[in-house]
Amino acid sequence: MSSDTFVSSVAVVAPSGRLDALAAPRIGQELEDIISAGQVHIVLDMHDVTYICSNSLRVLLLALRRLRCLGGNLVLCCLSPRIEFILQMSGFDQVFDIVDTVEVARSFFADQVEGG
C-alpha cells in the first residue's frame, strides 16, 4: 500500500495487489490510523488492486460505517472491471459511493462539505 496523502482534508489511500486475508488487517489498520488522526473523508484509489476478498470487504465496510457515524465517508475509485464485478456480485456497489477517478472523488467530498 502506498502511504496516504492528505489533499484538501481528503486522505487518498492507494492499496495495491491482492487485498486478501493477509492484507485485510493492514488496510484496516491504515484506515483506523487515518480515522484516529481525525480524518473523515477518505478516497480508496483501487487502480492497482487485482483482487479483493470478503475479509477485506468487511474491513472496508467497518471503516465506512465508522466514518459515516463521524460525518464522513469512504469513496472508492479507479476500479478495474474485475473488482467492480466482485463489488456488484456482493452488493457492495450499493453500499459504497464509487466514482471513476481520484479527482471526481475529491470533488464528491467538496460537494458534501458545501452541501452539508
N, C-alpha and C. Protein backbone atom coordinates (compact mmCIF):
# COMPACT_ATOMS: atom_id res chain seq x y z
N MET A 1 0.84 -1.18 0.00
CA MET A 1 0.00 0.00 0.00
C MET A 1 0.87 1.23 0.00
N SER A 2 0.46 2.21 -0.75
CA SER A 2 1.22 3.45 -0.71
C SER A 2 0.76 4.25 0.49
N SER A 3 1.61 5.14 0.92
CA SER A 3 1.22 5.95 2.07
C SER A 3 0.08 6.88 1.69
N ASP A 4 -0.72 7.19 2.70
CA ASP A 4 -1.87 8.05 2.44
C ASP A 4 -1.40 9.48 2.18
N THR A 5 -2.17 10.18 1.37
CA THR A 5 -1.86 11.56 1.01
C THR A 5 -3.05 12.41 1.40
N PHE A 6 -2.79 13.48 2.15
CA PHE A 6 -3.86 14.37 2.54
C PHE A 6 -3.90 15.55 1.59
N VAL A 7 -5.01 15.72 0.90
CA VAL A 7 -5.18 16.82 -0.03
C VAL A 7 -6.51 17.48 0.29
N SER A 8 -6.47 18.75 0.69
CA SER A 8 -7.68 19.50 0.98
C SER A 8 -8.60 18.72 1.91
N SER A 9 -8.07 18.23 2.99
CA SER A 9 -8.80 17.47 4.01
C SER A 9 -9.39 16.16 3.50
N VAL A 10 -8.84 15.63 2.44
CA VAL A 10 -9.24 14.32 1.92
C VAL A 10 -8.00 13.42 1.91
N ALA A 11 -8.10 12.27 2.55
CA ALA A 11 -7.00 11.31 2.54
C ALA A 11 -7.20 10.36 1.36
N VAL A 12 -6.13 10.14 0.61
CA VAL A 12 -6.17 9.20 -0.51
C VAL A 12 -5.29 8.02 -0.15
N VAL A 13 -5.89 6.84 -0.13
CA VAL A 13 -5.17 5.62 0.18
C VAL A 13 -5.18 4.77 -1.09
N ALA A 14 -4.00 4.29 -1.49
CA ALA A 14 -3.88 3.54 -2.74
C ALA A 14 -3.26 2.17 -2.48
N PRO A 15 -4.08 1.20 -2.07
CA PRO A 15 -3.54 -0.15 -1.90
C PRO A 15 -3.18 -0.75 -3.25
N SER A 16 -2.36 -1.79 -3.23
CA SER A 16 -2.00 -2.43 -4.49
C SER A 16 -1.95 -3.94 -4.32
N GLY A 17 -2.10 -4.62 -5.44
CA GLY A 17 -2.04 -6.07 -5.43
C GLY A 17 -3.32 -6.71 -4.93
N ARG A 18 -3.14 -7.77 -4.19
CA ARG A 18 -4.28 -8.55 -3.70
C ARG A 18 -4.68 -8.08 -2.30
N LEU A 19 -5.94 -7.71 -2.14
CA LEU A 19 -6.48 -7.42 -0.82
C LEU A 19 -7.12 -8.71 -0.31
N ASP A 20 -6.24 -9.64 0.08
CA ASP A 20 -6.68 -10.95 0.54
C ASP A 20 -6.71 -10.97 2.06
N ALA A 21 -6.87 -12.16 2.63
CA ALA A 21 -6.97 -12.29 4.09
C ALA A 21 -5.72 -11.77 4.80
N LEU A 22 -4.58 -11.87 4.17
CA LEU A 22 -3.34 -11.36 4.79
C LEU A 22 -3.27 -9.84 4.74
N ALA A 23 -3.83 -9.24 3.71
CA ALA A 23 -3.78 -7.79 3.55
C ALA A 23 -4.88 -7.08 4.33
N ALA A 24 -5.96 -7.77 4.64
CA ALA A 24 -7.10 -7.14 5.31
C ALA A 24 -6.72 -6.43 6.61
N PRO A 25 -5.96 -7.06 7.50
CA PRO A 25 -5.59 -6.35 8.73
C PRO A 25 -4.74 -5.09 8.48
N ARG A 26 -3.88 -5.16 7.47
CA ARG A 26 -3.04 -3.99 7.16
C ARG A 26 -3.86 -2.82 6.67
N ILE A 27 -4.78 -3.06 5.72
CA ILE A 27 -5.62 -1.97 5.22
C ILE A 27 -6.53 -1.47 6.33
N GLY A 28 -7.01 -2.40 7.16
CA GLY A 28 -7.84 -1.99 8.30
C GLY A 28 -7.09 -1.08 9.26
N GLN A 29 -5.85 -1.43 9.56
CA GLN A 29 -5.04 -0.62 10.46
C GLN A 29 -4.72 0.73 9.85
N GLU A 30 -4.41 0.74 8.56
CA GLU A 30 -4.11 2.02 7.90
C GLU A 30 -5.32 2.94 7.93
N LEU A 31 -6.50 2.41 7.64
CA LEU A 31 -7.72 3.22 7.69
C LEU A 31 -7.99 3.67 9.12
N GLU A 32 -7.81 2.78 10.09
CA GLU A 32 -8.02 3.14 11.50
C GLU A 32 -7.08 4.26 11.93
N ASP A 33 -5.83 4.19 11.51
CA ASP A 33 -4.87 5.24 11.86
C ASP A 33 -5.30 6.59 11.28
N ILE A 34 -5.78 6.58 10.06
CA ILE A 34 -6.22 7.82 9.41
C ILE A 34 -7.44 8.39 10.14
N ILE A 35 -8.39 7.52 10.45
CA ILE A 35 -9.61 7.97 11.14
C ILE A 35 -9.26 8.46 12.54
N SER A 36 -8.39 7.76 13.24
CA SER A 36 -7.99 8.16 14.59
C SER A 36 -7.27 9.50 14.59
N ALA A 37 -6.63 9.82 13.48
CA ALA A 37 -5.95 11.12 13.34
C ALA A 37 -6.94 12.24 13.06
N GLY A 38 -8.23 11.91 12.94
CA GLY A 38 -9.25 12.93 12.74
C GLY A 38 -9.72 13.11 11.32
N GLN A 39 -9.21 12.29 10.42
CA GLN A 39 -9.60 12.40 9.01
C GLN A 39 -10.88 11.59 8.77
N VAL A 40 -11.91 12.24 8.22
CA VAL A 40 -13.18 11.53 7.99
C VAL A 40 -13.56 11.46 6.52
N HIS A 41 -12.76 12.04 5.65
CA HIS A 41 -13.01 11.97 4.20
C HIS A 41 -11.86 11.18 3.58
N ILE A 42 -12.17 9.94 3.14
CA ILE A 42 -11.13 9.06 2.61
C ILE A 42 -11.52 8.56 1.23
N VAL A 43 -10.55 8.63 0.33
CA VAL A 43 -10.69 8.06 -1.01
C VAL A 43 -9.81 6.82 -1.06
N LEU A 44 -10.39 5.73 -1.51
CA LEU A 44 -9.62 4.49 -1.70
C LEU A 44 -9.42 4.32 -3.20
N ASP A 45 -8.20 4.62 -3.65
CA ASP A 45 -7.83 4.53 -5.06
C ASP A 45 -7.45 3.08 -5.35
N MET A 46 -8.32 2.37 -6.05
CA MET A 46 -8.18 0.94 -6.27
C MET A 46 -7.52 0.58 -7.60
N HIS A 47 -6.86 1.52 -8.25
CA HIS A 47 -6.35 1.25 -9.61
C HIS A 47 -5.32 0.12 -9.66
N ASP A 48 -4.60 -0.13 -8.58
CA ASP A 48 -3.60 -1.20 -8.57
C ASP A 48 -4.05 -2.45 -7.82
N VAL A 49 -5.34 -2.52 -7.47
CA VAL A 49 -5.85 -3.69 -6.75
C VAL A 49 -6.29 -4.73 -7.76
N THR A 50 -5.78 -5.95 -7.61
CA THR A 50 -6.09 -7.02 -8.56
C THR A 50 -7.13 -8.01 -8.03
N TYR A 51 -7.34 -7.99 -6.71
CA TYR A 51 -8.27 -8.95 -6.10
C TYR A 51 -8.69 -8.39 -4.75
N ILE A 52 -9.93 -8.69 -4.36
CA ILE A 52 -10.39 -8.32 -3.02
C ILE A 52 -11.23 -9.46 -2.46
N CYS A 53 -10.92 -9.87 -1.23
CA CYS A 53 -11.64 -10.98 -0.60
C CYS A 53 -12.70 -10.44 0.35
N SER A 54 -13.50 -11.36 0.86
CA SER A 54 -14.58 -10.96 1.77
C SER A 54 -14.05 -10.34 3.06
N ASN A 55 -12.89 -10.79 3.53
CA ASN A 55 -12.31 -10.18 4.73
C ASN A 55 -11.99 -8.71 4.51
N SER A 56 -11.43 -8.40 3.36
CA SER A 56 -11.09 -7.01 3.06
C SER A 56 -12.35 -6.18 2.83
N LEU A 57 -13.36 -6.78 2.21
CA LEU A 57 -14.64 -6.08 2.05
C LEU A 57 -15.23 -5.75 3.41
N ARG A 58 -15.15 -6.67 4.34
CA ARG A 58 -15.66 -6.44 5.69
C ARG A 58 -14.91 -5.29 6.35
N VAL A 59 -13.59 -5.26 6.21
CA VAL A 59 -12.77 -4.18 6.78
C VAL A 59 -13.20 -2.84 6.20
N LEU A 60 -13.41 -2.79 4.89
CA LEU A 60 -13.85 -1.54 4.25
C LEU A 60 -15.23 -1.12 4.75
N LEU A 61 -16.11 -2.09 4.92
CA LEU A 61 -17.46 -1.80 5.41
C LEU A 61 -17.40 -1.25 6.84
N LEU A 62 -16.59 -1.83 7.69
CA LEU A 62 -16.46 -1.33 9.06
C LEU A 62 -15.92 0.10 9.08
N ALA A 63 -14.93 0.37 8.22
CA ALA A 63 -14.38 1.73 8.14
C ALA A 63 -15.45 2.70 7.63
N LEU A 64 -16.21 2.28 6.63
CA LEU A 64 -17.28 3.12 6.09
C LEU A 64 -18.30 3.46 7.18
N ARG A 65 -18.72 2.47 7.92
CA ARG A 65 -19.70 2.70 8.98
C ARG A 65 -19.17 3.68 10.03
N ARG A 66 -17.93 3.49 10.41
CA ARG A 66 -17.33 4.40 11.41
C ARG A 66 -17.26 5.81 10.86
N LEU A 67 -16.81 5.94 9.61
CA LEU A 67 -16.71 7.27 9.00
C LEU A 67 -18.06 7.95 8.90
N ARG A 68 -19.08 7.22 8.49
CA ARG A 68 -20.41 7.82 8.37
C ARG A 68 -20.95 8.26 9.72
N CYS A 69 -20.64 7.52 10.78
CA CYS A 69 -21.04 7.94 12.12
C CYS A 69 -20.35 9.24 12.53
N LEU A 70 -19.17 9.47 11.98
CA LEU A 70 -18.40 10.69 12.28
C LEU A 70 -18.69 11.81 11.28
N GLY A 71 -19.65 11.59 10.38
CA GLY A 71 -19.99 12.62 9.40
C GLY A 71 -19.14 12.59 8.15
N GLY A 72 -18.41 11.51 7.95
CA GLY A 72 -17.53 11.39 6.79
C GLY A 72 -17.98 10.31 5.84
N ASN A 73 -17.04 9.85 5.01
CA ASN A 73 -17.36 8.84 4.01
C ASN A 73 -16.08 8.21 3.49
N LEU A 74 -16.23 7.05 2.90
CA LEU A 74 -15.16 6.34 2.21
C LEU A 74 -15.64 6.14 0.78
N VAL A 75 -14.94 6.78 -0.16
CA VAL A 75 -15.33 6.70 -1.56
C VAL A 75 -14.30 5.84 -2.29
N LEU A 76 -14.78 4.89 -3.08
CA LEU A 76 -13.91 4.03 -3.87
C LEU A 76 -13.81 4.59 -5.28
N CYS A 77 -12.62 4.49 -5.86
CA CYS A 77 -12.45 4.95 -7.25
C CYS A 77 -11.46 4.08 -7.99
N CYS A 78 -11.47 4.25 -9.30
CA CYS A 78 -10.50 3.60 -10.20
C CYS A 78 -10.57 2.07 -10.12
N LEU A 79 -11.77 1.53 -10.09
CA LEU A 79 -11.95 0.08 -10.01
C LEU A 79 -11.69 -0.58 -11.35
N SER A 80 -10.98 -1.68 -11.33
CA SER A 80 -10.83 -2.50 -12.54
C SER A 80 -12.16 -3.21 -12.78
N PRO A 81 -12.38 -3.70 -13.99
CA PRO A 81 -13.61 -4.45 -14.25
C PRO A 81 -13.79 -5.64 -13.29
N ARG A 82 -12.70 -6.29 -12.95
CA ARG A 82 -12.77 -7.45 -12.06
C ARG A 82 -13.23 -7.04 -10.66
N ILE A 83 -12.65 -6.00 -10.12
CA ILE A 83 -13.03 -5.52 -8.78
C ILE A 83 -14.46 -4.99 -8.81
N GLU A 84 -14.82 -4.29 -9.86
CA GLU A 84 -16.18 -3.79 -10.00
C GLU A 84 -17.18 -4.96 -10.00
N PHE A 85 -16.84 -6.03 -10.70
CA PHE A 85 -17.69 -7.23 -10.75
C PHE A 85 -17.86 -7.84 -9.36
N ILE A 86 -16.76 -7.95 -8.62
CA ILE A 86 -16.82 -8.51 -7.26
C ILE A 86 -17.73 -7.66 -6.38
N LEU A 87 -17.61 -6.35 -6.48
CA LEU A 87 -18.45 -5.46 -5.68
C LEU A 87 -19.92 -5.59 -6.08
N GLN A 88 -20.18 -5.73 -7.37
CA GLN A 88 -21.56 -5.89 -7.82
C GLN A 88 -22.14 -7.22 -7.34
N MET A 89 -21.38 -8.29 -7.45
CA MET A 89 -21.86 -9.61 -7.04
C MET A 89 -22.13 -9.69 -5.54
N SER A 90 -21.37 -8.93 -4.77
CA SER A 90 -21.54 -8.95 -3.31
C SER A 90 -22.54 -7.91 -2.83
N GLY A 91 -22.99 -7.05 -3.74
CA GLY A 91 -23.93 -5.99 -3.37
C GLY A 91 -23.27 -4.76 -2.77
N PHE A 92 -21.96 -4.77 -2.69
CA PHE A 92 -21.25 -3.64 -2.10
C PHE A 92 -21.28 -2.40 -3.00
N ASP A 93 -21.59 -2.58 -4.26
CA ASP A 93 -21.72 -1.41 -5.14
C ASP A 93 -22.92 -0.56 -4.73
N GLN A 94 -23.83 -1.12 -3.96
CA GLN A 94 -24.99 -0.37 -3.46
C GLN A 94 -24.69 0.29 -2.11
N VAL A 95 -23.59 -0.08 -1.49
CA VAL A 95 -23.23 0.41 -0.17
C VAL A 95 -22.24 1.57 -0.26
N PHE A 96 -21.25 1.41 -1.12
CA PHE A 96 -20.20 2.42 -1.25
C PHE A 96 -20.51 3.40 -2.36
N ASP A 97 -20.02 4.62 -2.20
CA ASP A 97 -20.02 5.56 -3.31
C ASP A 97 -18.80 5.21 -4.16
N ILE A 98 -19.04 4.97 -5.44
CA ILE A 98 -17.98 4.55 -6.36
C ILE A 98 -17.93 5.55 -7.51
N VAL A 99 -16.74 6.08 -7.77
CA VAL A 99 -16.56 7.04 -8.85
C VAL A 99 -15.38 6.60 -9.71
N ASP A 100 -15.22 7.27 -10.84
CA ASP A 100 -14.21 6.84 -11.82
C ASP A 100 -12.77 7.24 -11.47
N THR A 101 -12.58 8.44 -10.92
CA THR A 101 -11.22 8.94 -10.72
C THR A 101 -11.05 9.55 -9.33
N VAL A 102 -9.80 9.73 -8.94
CA VAL A 102 -9.48 10.38 -7.67
C VAL A 102 -10.01 11.81 -7.68
N GLU A 103 -9.87 12.48 -8.81
CA GLU A 103 -10.33 13.87 -8.91
C GLU A 103 -11.84 13.98 -8.69
N VAL A 104 -12.59 13.05 -9.27
CA VAL A 104 -14.05 13.05 -9.07
C VAL A 104 -14.36 12.76 -7.60
N ALA A 105 -13.60 11.87 -6.99
CA ALA A 105 -13.82 11.56 -5.57
C ALA A 105 -13.56 12.79 -4.70
N ARG A 106 -12.50 13.52 -5.00
CA ARG A 106 -12.22 14.74 -4.24
C ARG A 106 -13.35 15.75 -4.41
N SER A 107 -13.85 15.88 -5.63
CA SER A 107 -14.95 16.83 -5.85
C SER A 107 -16.23 16.32 -5.17
N PHE A 108 -16.39 15.03 -5.04
CA PHE A 108 -17.52 14.45 -4.30
C PHE A 108 -17.51 14.97 -2.87
N PHE A 109 -16.33 14.98 -2.25
CA PHE A 109 -16.22 15.47 -0.89
C PHE A 109 -16.41 16.98 -0.83
N ALA A 110 -15.92 17.70 -1.82
CA ALA A 110 -16.11 19.15 -1.84
C ALA A 110 -17.61 19.45 -1.90
N ASP A 111 -18.34 18.70 -2.71
CA ASP A 111 -19.80 18.88 -2.81
C ASP A 111 -20.46 18.56 -1.47
N GLN A 112 -20.00 17.52 -0.77
CA GLN A 112 -20.58 17.14 0.52
C GLN A 112 -20.37 18.26 1.54
N VAL A 113 -19.15 18.80 1.59
CA VAL A 113 -18.84 19.84 2.56
C VAL A 113 -19.66 21.10 2.27
N GLU A 114 -19.75 21.48 0.99
CA GLU A 114 -20.52 22.67 0.62
C GLU A 114 -21.99 22.47 0.89
N GLY A 115 -22.49 21.24 0.62
CA GLY A 115 -23.91 20.97 0.76
C GLY A 115 -24.34 20.71 2.18
N GLY A 116 -23.44 20.37 3.06
CA GLY A 116 -23.87 19.98 4.37
C GLY A 116 -23.07 20.55 5.45
